[in-house]
Amino acid sequence: MSKINFQSFSGYVTQIDDFLTSPNNEDSGCHKAFVVENDAGMIVHFIISPDTYFVDHAMIAVGDRITGYYDGDMPVALIYPPRYQALIVVKENPYQQVKVDYFNHNLVSSDGQLMLNISPVTFVSLTNGQAFSNTLANRNLIVSYGPTTKSIPAQTTPYEIIVYCRMGQ
């Protein structure tokens, strides 16, 4: 399982447009461009493909606050505003926290900030909704959780874990 260098950008969606990826328009409407602006006025364009995973299958509209995750190791054109291929999009929800990261053999996130304590009621699936029954260690995970301990790393018992597998893995 290859570790993804997840990077993120959070802000409000200010514009949603179709994004054409082929000159003959055969994929017209299949890709979108989200223009996202943060509180400091920085702007990012997220390219949304049919493979982009939306946590909770959220429908995004102009005015929504989102966090888009992309692979920081993928090449990006040197343009402004930057244009990133969104891998995962999370619509802000005051009742849940979401962590997208690689979790090691101890189920600690790559930034060392969150440790997972799995319970029998933690729902674990793949992005396609199918059950996942293998080990969660050393994987890219989308973790939905609530309260945490005040320790470092903070510990939580997640509500839900989505195992994020790229094609070919």
N, C-alpha and C. Protein backbone atom coordinates (compact mmCIF):
# COMPACT_ATOMS: atom_id res chain seq x y z
N MET A 1 0.86 -1.18 0.00
CA MET A 1 0.00 0.00 0.00
C MET A 1 0.89 1.22 0.00
N SER A 2 0.74 2.06 -0.98
CA SER A 2 1.60 3.23 -1.03
C SER A 2 1.00 4.37 -0.22
N LYS A 3 1.86 5.00 0.52
CA LYS A 3 1.47 6.12 1.37
C LYS A 3 1.25 7.34 0.49
N ILE A 4 0.10 7.99 0.65
CA ILE A 4 -0.21 9.21 -0.09
C ILE A 4 0.19 10.40 0.77
N ASN A 5 0.83 11.37 0.18
CA ASN A 5 1.21 12.60 0.86
C ASN A 5 0.01 13.55 0.82
N PHE A 6 -0.97 13.30 1.69
CA PHE A 6 -2.18 14.12 1.69
C PHE A 6 -1.87 15.54 2.10
N GLN A 7 -2.27 16.48 1.26
CA GLN A 7 -2.23 17.90 1.58
C GLN A 7 -3.67 18.39 1.46
N SER A 8 -3.97 19.50 2.15
CA SER A 8 -5.36 19.96 2.12
C SER A 8 -5.44 21.47 2.02
N PHE A 9 -6.62 21.91 1.63
CA PHE A 9 -6.94 23.34 1.59
C PHE A 9 -8.40 23.45 1.99
N SER A 10 -8.68 24.36 2.93
CA SER A 10 -10.05 24.57 3.42
C SER A 10 -10.51 25.97 3.09
N GLY A 11 -11.78 26.09 2.79
CA GLY A 11 -12.36 27.39 2.53
C GLY A 11 -13.79 27.25 2.03
N TYR A 12 -14.31 28.36 1.55
CA TYR A 12 -15.68 28.40 1.05
C TYR A 12 -15.69 28.27 -0.47
N VAL A 13 -16.62 27.48 -0.97
CA VAL A 13 -16.78 27.32 -2.41
C VAL A 13 -17.42 28.60 -2.94
N THR A 14 -16.73 29.27 -3.85
CA THR A 14 -17.24 30.52 -4.42
C THR A 14 -17.76 30.35 -5.84
N GLN A 15 -17.40 29.22 -6.47
CA GLN A 15 -17.83 29.00 -7.85
C GLN A 15 -17.69 27.53 -8.18
N ILE A 16 -18.64 27.01 -8.97
CA ILE A 16 -18.58 25.63 -9.47
C ILE A 16 -18.87 25.68 -10.97
N ASP A 17 -17.94 25.15 -11.76
CA ASP A 17 -18.08 25.16 -13.22
C ASP A 17 -17.77 23.77 -13.77
N ASP A 18 -18.28 23.51 -14.98
CA ASP A 18 -17.84 22.31 -15.71
C ASP A 18 -16.39 22.51 -16.09
N PHE A 19 -15.64 21.42 -16.12
CA PHE A 19 -14.23 21.46 -16.48
C PHE A 19 -14.03 20.45 -17.60
N LEU A 20 -13.65 20.93 -18.78
CA LEU A 20 -13.46 20.05 -19.93
C LEU A 20 -12.05 19.49 -19.94
N THR A 21 -11.96 18.18 -20.10
CA THR A 21 -10.65 17.53 -20.13
C THR A 21 -10.30 16.99 -21.51
N SER A 22 -11.24 17.06 -22.45
CA SER A 22 -10.94 16.60 -23.81
C SER A 22 -11.53 17.61 -24.80
N PRO A 23 -10.84 17.81 -25.92
CA PRO A 23 -11.28 18.83 -26.88
C PRO A 23 -12.61 18.53 -27.57
N ASN A 24 -13.02 17.27 -27.62
CA ASN A 24 -14.26 16.94 -28.33
C ASN A 24 -15.48 16.88 -27.39
N ASN A 25 -15.31 17.29 -26.14
CA ASN A 25 -16.40 17.38 -25.16
C ASN A 25 -17.06 16.04 -24.84
N GLU A 26 -16.38 14.93 -25.10
CA GLU A 26 -17.00 13.64 -24.83
C GLU A 26 -17.23 13.41 -23.34
N ASP A 27 -16.52 14.13 -22.48
CA ASP A 27 -16.72 13.99 -21.05
C ASP A 27 -17.43 15.20 -20.45
N SER A 28 -18.12 15.94 -21.29
CA SER A 28 -18.80 17.16 -20.84
C SER A 28 -19.68 16.87 -19.64
N GLY A 29 -19.49 17.63 -18.58
CA GLY A 29 -20.28 17.47 -17.36
C GLY A 29 -19.73 16.46 -16.38
N CYS A 30 -18.72 15.69 -16.77
CA CYS A 30 -18.18 14.65 -15.88
C CYS A 30 -17.14 15.19 -14.90
N HIS A 31 -16.54 16.31 -15.22
CA HIS A 31 -15.54 16.92 -14.35
C HIS A 31 -16.01 18.32 -13.97
N LYS A 32 -15.70 18.72 -12.76
CA LYS A 32 -16.08 20.04 -12.26
C LYS A 32 -14.83 20.75 -11.76
N ALA A 33 -14.92 22.07 -11.71
CA ALA A 33 -13.88 22.89 -11.09
C ALA A 33 -14.54 23.65 -9.95
N PHE A 34 -14.04 23.42 -8.73
CA PHE A 34 -14.51 24.15 -7.56
C PHE A 34 -13.49 25.24 -7.27
N VAL A 35 -13.95 26.48 -7.19
CA VAL A 35 -13.10 27.58 -6.76
C VAL A 35 -13.34 27.73 -5.26
N VAL A 36 -12.24 27.64 -4.49
CA VAL A 36 -12.35 27.67 -3.03
C VAL A 36 -11.47 28.79 -2.50
N GLU A 37 -12.04 29.60 -1.61
CA GLU A 37 -11.31 30.73 -1.02
C GLU A 37 -11.32 30.59 0.49
N ASN A 38 -10.12 30.72 1.09
CA ASN A 38 -10.05 30.62 2.54
C ASN A 38 -10.23 31.98 3.19
N ASP A 39 -10.18 32.02 4.53
CA ASP A 39 -10.43 33.25 5.28
C ASP A 39 -9.37 34.32 5.03
N ALA A 40 -8.18 33.90 4.56
CA ALA A 40 -7.10 34.85 4.28
C ALA A 40 -7.15 35.38 2.85
N GLY A 41 -8.15 34.93 2.07
CA GLY A 41 -8.28 35.39 0.69
C GLY A 41 -7.50 34.58 -0.32
N MET A 42 -6.82 33.50 0.12
CA MET A 42 -6.11 32.62 -0.82
C MET A 42 -7.14 31.79 -1.58
N ILE A 43 -6.84 31.56 -2.86
CA ILE A 43 -7.77 30.83 -3.73
C ILE A 43 -7.09 29.60 -4.31
N VAL A 44 -7.86 28.52 -4.39
CA VAL A 44 -7.41 27.26 -4.99
C VAL A 44 -8.53 26.77 -5.90
N HIS A 45 -8.15 26.16 -7.02
CA HIS A 45 -9.11 25.48 -7.88
C HIS A 45 -8.94 23.98 -7.65
N PHE A 46 -10.01 23.32 -7.26
CA PHE A 46 -10.00 21.87 -7.15
C PHE A 46 -10.69 21.29 -8.37
N ILE A 47 -10.01 20.37 -9.05
CA ILE A 47 -10.61 19.67 -10.17
C ILE A 47 -11.25 18.41 -9.60
N ILE A 48 -12.54 18.28 -9.85
CA ILE A 48 -13.33 17.17 -9.32
C ILE A 48 -13.60 16.20 -10.46
N SER A 49 -13.17 14.96 -10.28
CA SER A 49 -13.38 13.93 -11.31
C SER A 49 -14.42 12.93 -10.80
N PRO A 50 -14.85 12.02 -11.66
CA PRO A 50 -15.76 10.98 -11.19
C PRO A 50 -15.15 10.10 -10.09
N ASP A 51 -13.81 10.10 -9.97
CA ASP A 51 -13.14 9.30 -8.94
C ASP A 51 -12.97 10.04 -7.62
N THR A 52 -13.28 11.34 -7.56
CA THR A 52 -13.15 12.10 -6.32
C THR A 52 -14.14 11.54 -5.31
N TYR A 53 -13.65 11.26 -4.10
CA TYR A 53 -14.53 10.71 -3.06
C TYR A 53 -15.06 11.84 -2.19
N PHE A 54 -16.38 11.92 -2.06
CA PHE A 54 -17.03 12.91 -1.20
C PHE A 54 -17.49 12.22 0.08
N VAL A 55 -16.92 12.63 1.21
CA VAL A 55 -17.29 12.04 2.50
C VAL A 55 -18.78 12.23 2.72
N ASP A 56 -19.44 11.18 3.15
CA ASP A 56 -20.90 11.15 3.36
C ASP A 56 -21.67 11.43 2.07
N HIS A 57 -21.01 11.29 0.93
CA HIS A 57 -21.63 11.55 -0.38
C HIS A 57 -22.30 12.93 -0.41
N ALA A 58 -21.66 13.90 0.25
CA ALA A 58 -22.21 15.25 0.38
C ALA A 58 -22.33 15.93 -0.98
N MET A 59 -23.44 16.61 -1.18
CA MET A 59 -23.65 17.44 -2.36
C MET A 59 -23.11 18.83 -2.01
N ILE A 60 -22.23 19.35 -2.85
CA ILE A 60 -21.57 20.63 -2.58
C ILE A 60 -22.23 21.73 -3.40
N ALA A 61 -22.42 22.89 -2.77
CA ALA A 61 -23.00 24.05 -3.44
C ALA A 61 -22.15 25.27 -3.13
N VAL A 62 -22.29 26.30 -3.93
CA VAL A 62 -21.60 27.56 -3.67
C VAL A 62 -22.00 28.04 -2.27
N GLY A 63 -20.99 28.46 -1.50
CA GLY A 63 -21.22 28.91 -0.12
C GLY A 63 -20.86 27.88 0.92
N ASP A 64 -20.74 26.60 0.52
CA ASP A 64 -20.37 25.56 1.48
C ASP A 64 -18.91 25.68 1.87
N ARG A 65 -18.62 25.36 3.12
CA ARG A 65 -17.23 25.30 3.58
C ARG A 65 -16.76 23.85 3.43
N ILE A 66 -15.65 23.67 2.71
CA ILE A 66 -15.14 22.34 2.44
C ILE A 66 -13.64 22.29 2.72
N THR A 67 -13.14 21.06 2.82
CA THR A 67 -11.71 20.80 2.79
C THR A 67 -11.47 19.82 1.65
N GLY A 68 -10.58 20.20 0.77
CA GLY A 68 -10.21 19.33 -0.34
C GLY A 68 -8.84 18.74 -0.07
N TYR A 69 -8.69 17.46 -0.32
CA TYR A 69 -7.42 16.76 -0.13
C TYR A 69 -6.87 16.36 -1.48
N TYR A 70 -5.56 16.53 -1.64
CA TYR A 70 -4.88 16.20 -2.89
C TYR A 70 -3.54 15.57 -2.54
N ASP A 71 -2.93 14.94 -3.53
CA ASP A 71 -1.63 14.30 -3.34
C ASP A 71 -0.54 15.35 -3.54
N GLY A 72 0.15 15.68 -2.46
CA GLY A 72 1.20 16.69 -2.50
C GLY A 72 2.41 16.29 -3.32
N ASP A 73 2.49 15.03 -3.71
CA ASP A 73 3.61 14.56 -4.53
C ASP A 73 3.30 14.57 -6.03
N MET A 74 2.08 14.91 -6.40
CA MET A 74 1.71 14.95 -7.82
C MET A 74 2.17 16.27 -8.42
N PRO A 75 2.64 16.26 -9.66
CA PRO A 75 3.06 17.51 -10.30
C PRO A 75 1.88 18.46 -10.48
N VAL A 76 2.16 19.75 -10.33
CA VAL A 76 1.13 20.78 -10.46
C VAL A 76 1.68 21.87 -11.36
N ALA A 77 0.85 22.35 -12.29
CA ALA A 77 1.26 23.45 -13.16
C ALA A 77 1.53 24.70 -12.33
N LEU A 78 2.55 25.44 -12.70
CA LEU A 78 2.91 26.65 -11.96
C LEU A 78 2.05 27.82 -12.43
N ILE A 79 0.80 27.80 -11.99
CA ILE A 79 -0.14 28.85 -12.32
C ILE A 79 -0.78 29.36 -11.04
N TYR A 80 -1.38 30.54 -11.13
CA TYR A 80 -2.14 31.05 -10.00
C TYR A 80 -3.54 31.38 -10.47
N PRO A 81 -4.54 30.98 -9.73
CA PRO A 81 -4.45 30.17 -8.53
C PRO A 81 -4.07 28.73 -8.86
N PRO A 82 -3.49 28.05 -7.88
CA PRO A 82 -3.09 26.66 -8.13
C PRO A 82 -4.31 25.78 -8.43
N ARG A 83 -4.07 24.75 -9.22
CA ARG A 83 -5.12 23.82 -9.62
C ARG A 83 -4.69 22.42 -9.17
N TYR A 84 -5.48 21.84 -8.26
CA TYR A 84 -5.19 20.52 -7.71
C TYR A 84 -6.28 19.53 -8.09
N GLN A 85 -5.87 18.31 -8.37
CA GLN A 85 -6.81 17.21 -8.58
C GLN A 85 -7.29 16.75 -7.20
N ALA A 86 -8.56 16.97 -6.89
CA ALA A 86 -9.08 16.59 -5.59
C ALA A 86 -9.24 15.07 -5.51
N LEU A 87 -8.67 14.48 -4.48
CA LEU A 87 -8.86 13.06 -4.22
C LEU A 87 -10.07 12.84 -3.33
N ILE A 88 -10.19 13.70 -2.32
CA ILE A 88 -11.24 13.57 -1.31
C ILE A 88 -11.75 14.97 -0.97
N VAL A 89 -13.07 15.09 -0.82
CA VAL A 89 -13.67 16.36 -0.41
C VAL A 89 -14.54 16.10 0.82
N VAL A 90 -14.36 16.98 1.82
CA VAL A 90 -15.14 16.89 3.05
C VAL A 90 -15.92 18.19 3.21
N LYS A 91 -17.24 18.07 3.32
CA LYS A 91 -18.09 19.23 3.61
C LYS A 91 -18.11 19.41 5.12
N GLU A 92 -17.82 20.64 5.57
CA GLU A 92 -17.74 20.89 7.01
C GLU A 92 -19.06 20.57 7.69
N ASN A 93 -18.94 19.89 8.83
CA ASN A 93 -20.10 19.49 9.63
C ASN A 93 -19.72 19.72 11.09
N PRO A 94 -20.46 20.53 11.82
CA PRO A 94 -20.09 20.83 13.21
C PRO A 94 -20.20 19.63 14.15
N TYR A 95 -20.83 18.54 13.70
CA TYR A 95 -21.05 17.39 14.58
C TYR A 95 -20.05 16.26 14.37
N GLN A 96 -19.11 16.44 13.44
CA GLN A 96 -18.11 15.40 13.24
C GLN A 96 -16.80 16.02 12.79
N GLN A 97 -15.74 15.33 13.12
CA GLN A 97 -14.42 15.70 12.64
C GLN A 97 -13.99 14.62 11.66
N VAL A 98 -13.19 15.01 10.68
CA VAL A 98 -12.70 14.05 9.70
C VAL A 98 -11.20 14.22 9.57
N LYS A 99 -10.49 13.11 9.61
CA LYS A 99 -9.04 13.09 9.42
C LYS A 99 -8.75 12.21 8.21
N VAL A 100 -8.04 12.76 7.24
CA VAL A 100 -7.62 12.02 6.06
C VAL A 100 -6.11 11.93 6.14
N ASP A 101 -5.59 10.72 6.26
CA ASP A 101 -4.15 10.57 6.45
C ASP A 101 -3.75 9.10 6.30
N TYR A 102 -2.46 8.90 6.30
CA TYR A 102 -1.89 7.55 6.34
C TYR A 102 -1.71 7.19 7.80
N PHE A 103 -2.19 6.00 8.19
CA PHE A 103 -2.06 5.54 9.58
C PHE A 103 -1.11 4.36 9.62
N ASN A 104 -0.15 4.41 10.53
CA ASN A 104 0.92 3.40 10.60
C ASN A 104 0.47 2.12 11.30
N HIS A 105 1.43 1.26 11.64
CA HIS A 105 1.15 -0.04 12.25
C HIS A 105 0.50 0.09 13.63
N ASN A 106 0.65 1.24 14.29
CA ASN A 106 0.00 1.50 15.58
C ASN A 106 -1.28 2.31 15.42
N LEU A 107 -1.71 2.51 14.19
CA LEU A 107 -2.88 3.31 13.85
C LEU A 107 -2.74 4.76 14.32
N VAL A 108 -1.52 5.29 14.16
CA VAL A 108 -1.23 6.70 14.44
C VAL A 108 -1.06 7.39 13.09
N SER A 109 -1.68 8.56 12.96
CA SER A 109 -1.61 9.32 11.72
C SER A 109 -0.18 9.75 11.43
N SER A 110 0.13 10.02 10.16
CA SER A 110 1.51 10.35 9.77
C SER A 110 2.00 11.63 10.43
N ASP A 111 1.09 12.53 10.82
CA ASP A 111 1.52 13.75 11.51
C ASP A 111 1.62 13.56 13.02
N GLY A 112 1.33 12.35 13.50
CA GLY A 112 1.46 12.04 14.92
C GLY A 112 0.40 12.67 15.80
N GLN A 113 -0.67 13.19 15.22
CA GLN A 113 -1.68 13.91 15.99
C GLN A 113 -2.89 13.07 16.43
N LEU A 114 -3.12 11.92 15.80
CA LEU A 114 -4.32 11.14 16.12
C LEU A 114 -4.02 9.66 16.13
N MET A 115 -4.49 9.00 17.18
CA MET A 115 -4.37 7.53 17.31
C MET A 115 -5.78 6.94 17.36
N LEU A 116 -5.99 5.87 16.60
CA LEU A 116 -7.30 5.24 16.52
C LEU A 116 -7.42 4.07 17.46
N ASN A 117 -8.52 4.02 18.19
CA ASN A 117 -8.88 2.87 19.02
C ASN A 117 -10.14 2.29 18.39
N ILE A 118 -9.99 1.13 17.78
CA ILE A 118 -11.10 0.54 17.03
C ILE A 118 -12.01 -0.23 17.98
N SER A 119 -13.31 -0.02 17.84
CA SER A 119 -14.28 -0.77 18.64
C SER A 119 -15.07 -1.69 17.73
N PRO A 120 -15.77 -2.66 18.30
CA PRO A 120 -16.58 -3.56 17.46
C PRO A 120 -17.69 -2.83 16.69
N VAL A 121 -18.07 -1.63 17.12
CA VAL A 121 -19.14 -0.90 16.43
C VAL A 121 -18.61 0.12 15.44
N THR A 122 -17.28 0.24 15.31
CA THR A 122 -16.72 1.14 14.31
C THR A 122 -17.02 0.57 12.93
N PHE A 123 -17.71 1.35 12.11
CA PHE A 123 -18.06 0.91 10.77
C PHE A 123 -16.85 1.11 9.86
N VAL A 124 -16.41 0.03 9.20
CA VAL A 124 -15.24 0.09 8.33
C VAL A 124 -15.64 -0.39 6.94
N SER A 125 -15.35 0.45 5.92
CA SER A 125 -15.71 0.08 4.56
C SER A 125 -14.71 0.66 3.57
N LEU A 126 -14.89 0.29 2.33
CA LEU A 126 -14.16 0.86 1.21
C LEU A 126 -14.94 2.08 0.70
N THR A 127 -14.35 2.85 -0.18
CA THR A 127 -15.04 4.02 -0.72
C THR A 127 -16.30 3.65 -1.50
N ASN A 128 -16.38 2.42 -1.99
CA ASN A 128 -17.56 1.99 -2.73
C ASN A 128 -18.67 1.47 -1.81
N GLY A 129 -18.47 1.56 -0.49
CA GLY A 129 -19.49 1.16 0.46
C GLY A 129 -19.42 -0.30 0.89
N GLN A 130 -18.52 -1.07 0.29
CA GLN A 130 -18.41 -2.47 0.64
C GLN A 130 -17.59 -2.65 1.91
N ALA A 131 -17.91 -3.69 2.67
CA ALA A 131 -17.23 -3.95 3.93
C ALA A 131 -15.74 -4.20 3.68
N PHE A 132 -14.93 -3.76 4.63
CA PHE A 132 -13.49 -4.00 4.59
C PHE A 132 -13.15 -4.85 5.80
N SER A 133 -12.48 -5.98 5.58
CA SER A 133 -12.24 -6.91 6.68
C SER A 133 -10.77 -7.20 6.92
N ASN A 134 -9.88 -6.46 6.28
CA ASN A 134 -8.45 -6.67 6.45
C ASN A 134 -7.94 -5.74 7.54
N THR A 135 -6.63 -5.72 7.74
CA THR A 135 -6.04 -4.84 8.74
C THR A 135 -6.08 -3.38 8.30
N LEU A 136 -6.29 -2.49 9.25
CA LEU A 136 -6.30 -1.05 8.97
C LEU A 136 -4.90 -0.45 9.05
N ALA A 137 -3.96 -1.19 9.58
CA ALA A 137 -2.60 -0.68 9.77
C ALA A 137 -1.93 -0.42 8.42
N ASN A 138 -1.11 0.63 8.40
CA ASN A 138 -0.32 0.99 7.22
C ASN A 138 -1.20 1.23 5.99
N ARG A 139 -2.23 2.05 6.19
CA ARG A 139 -3.17 2.35 5.10
C ARG A 139 -3.55 3.83 5.11
N ASN A 140 -4.01 4.27 3.95
CA ASN A 140 -4.60 5.60 3.80
C ASN A 140 -6.06 5.50 4.24
N LEU A 141 -6.43 6.30 5.24
CA LEU A 141 -7.77 6.19 5.83
C LEU A 141 -8.47 7.54 5.87
N ILE A 142 -9.79 7.48 5.75
CA ILE A 142 -10.67 8.62 5.99
C ILE A 142 -11.41 8.29 7.27
N VAL A 143 -11.16 9.04 8.32
CA VAL A 143 -11.67 8.71 9.64
C VAL A 143 -12.67 9.78 10.09
N SER A 144 -13.87 9.35 10.42
CA SER A 144 -14.90 10.23 10.96
C SER A 144 -15.01 9.94 12.45
N TYR A 145 -14.87 10.99 13.27
CA TYR A 145 -14.82 10.77 14.72
C TYR A 145 -15.39 11.96 15.48
N GLY A 146 -15.55 11.77 16.76
CA GLY A 146 -16.07 12.82 17.64
C GLY A 146 -15.05 13.18 18.69
N PRO A 147 -15.37 12.92 19.96
CA PRO A 147 -14.48 13.32 21.05
C PRO A 147 -13.12 12.62 20.99
N THR A 148 -12.09 13.33 21.48
CA THR A 148 -10.74 12.77 21.58
C THR A 148 -10.20 13.03 22.98
N THR A 149 -9.15 12.29 23.32
CA THR A 149 -8.45 12.57 24.57
C THR A 149 -7.59 13.81 24.37
N LYS A 150 -7.08 14.35 25.46
CA LYS A 150 -6.21 15.53 25.37
C LYS A 150 -4.74 15.13 25.30
N SER A 151 -4.47 13.86 25.11
CA SER A 151 -3.09 13.37 25.05
C SER A 151 -2.47 13.68 23.70
N ILE A 152 -1.17 13.42 23.59
CA ILE A 152 -0.48 13.53 22.30
C ILE A 152 0.14 12.17 22.02
N PRO A 153 -0.29 11.46 20.98
CA PRO A 153 -1.36 11.87 20.08
C PRO A 153 -2.73 11.77 20.76
N ALA A 154 -3.66 12.59 20.29
CA ALA A 154 -5.03 12.47 20.76
C ALA A 154 -5.55 11.10 20.35
N GLN A 155 -6.36 10.49 21.21
CA GLN A 155 -6.91 9.18 20.90
C GLN A 155 -8.41 9.30 20.73
N THR A 156 -8.94 8.51 19.82
CA THR A 156 -10.38 8.52 19.57
C THR A 156 -10.84 7.14 19.16
N THR A 157 -12.11 6.88 19.39
CA THR A 157 -12.77 5.70 18.85
C THR A 157 -13.64 6.19 17.71
N PRO A 158 -13.23 5.95 16.47
CA PRO A 158 -13.93 6.51 15.31
C PRO A 158 -15.35 5.97 15.16
N TYR A 159 -16.20 6.83 14.59
CA TYR A 159 -17.54 6.39 14.22
C TYR A 159 -17.46 5.54 12.96
N GLU A 160 -16.63 6.00 12.03
CA GLU A 160 -16.54 5.34 10.73
C GLU A 160 -15.14 5.50 10.17
N ILE A 161 -14.68 4.46 9.47
CA ILE A 161 -13.40 4.50 8.77
C ILE A 161 -13.63 4.05 7.34
N ILE A 162 -13.17 4.87 6.41
CA ILE A 162 -13.21 4.50 4.99
C ILE A 162 -11.79 4.23 4.57
N VAL A 163 -11.53 3.05 4.06
CA VAL A 163 -10.21 2.70 3.56
C VAL A 163 -10.10 3.25 2.14
N TYR A 164 -9.11 4.11 1.94
CA TYR A 164 -8.93 4.76 0.64
C TYR A 164 -7.86 4.02 -0.16
N CYS A 165 -8.33 3.26 -1.14
CA CYS A 165 -7.42 2.50 -2.01
C CYS A 165 -7.40 3.17 -3.38
N ARG A 166 -6.21 3.40 -3.88
CA ARG A 166 -6.10 3.90 -5.26
C ARG A 166 -6.21 2.73 -6.21
N MET A 167 -6.54 3.04 -7.45
CA MET A 167 -6.60 2.00 -8.46
C MET A 167 -5.26 1.28 -8.53
N GLY A 168 -5.29 -0.04 -8.66
CA GLY A 168 -4.09 -0.82 -8.77
C GLY A 168 -3.49 -1.22 -7.44
N GLN A 169 -4.16 -0.85 -6.32
CA GLN A 169 -3.63 -1.24 -5.01
C GLN A 169 -4.48 -2.32 -4.40
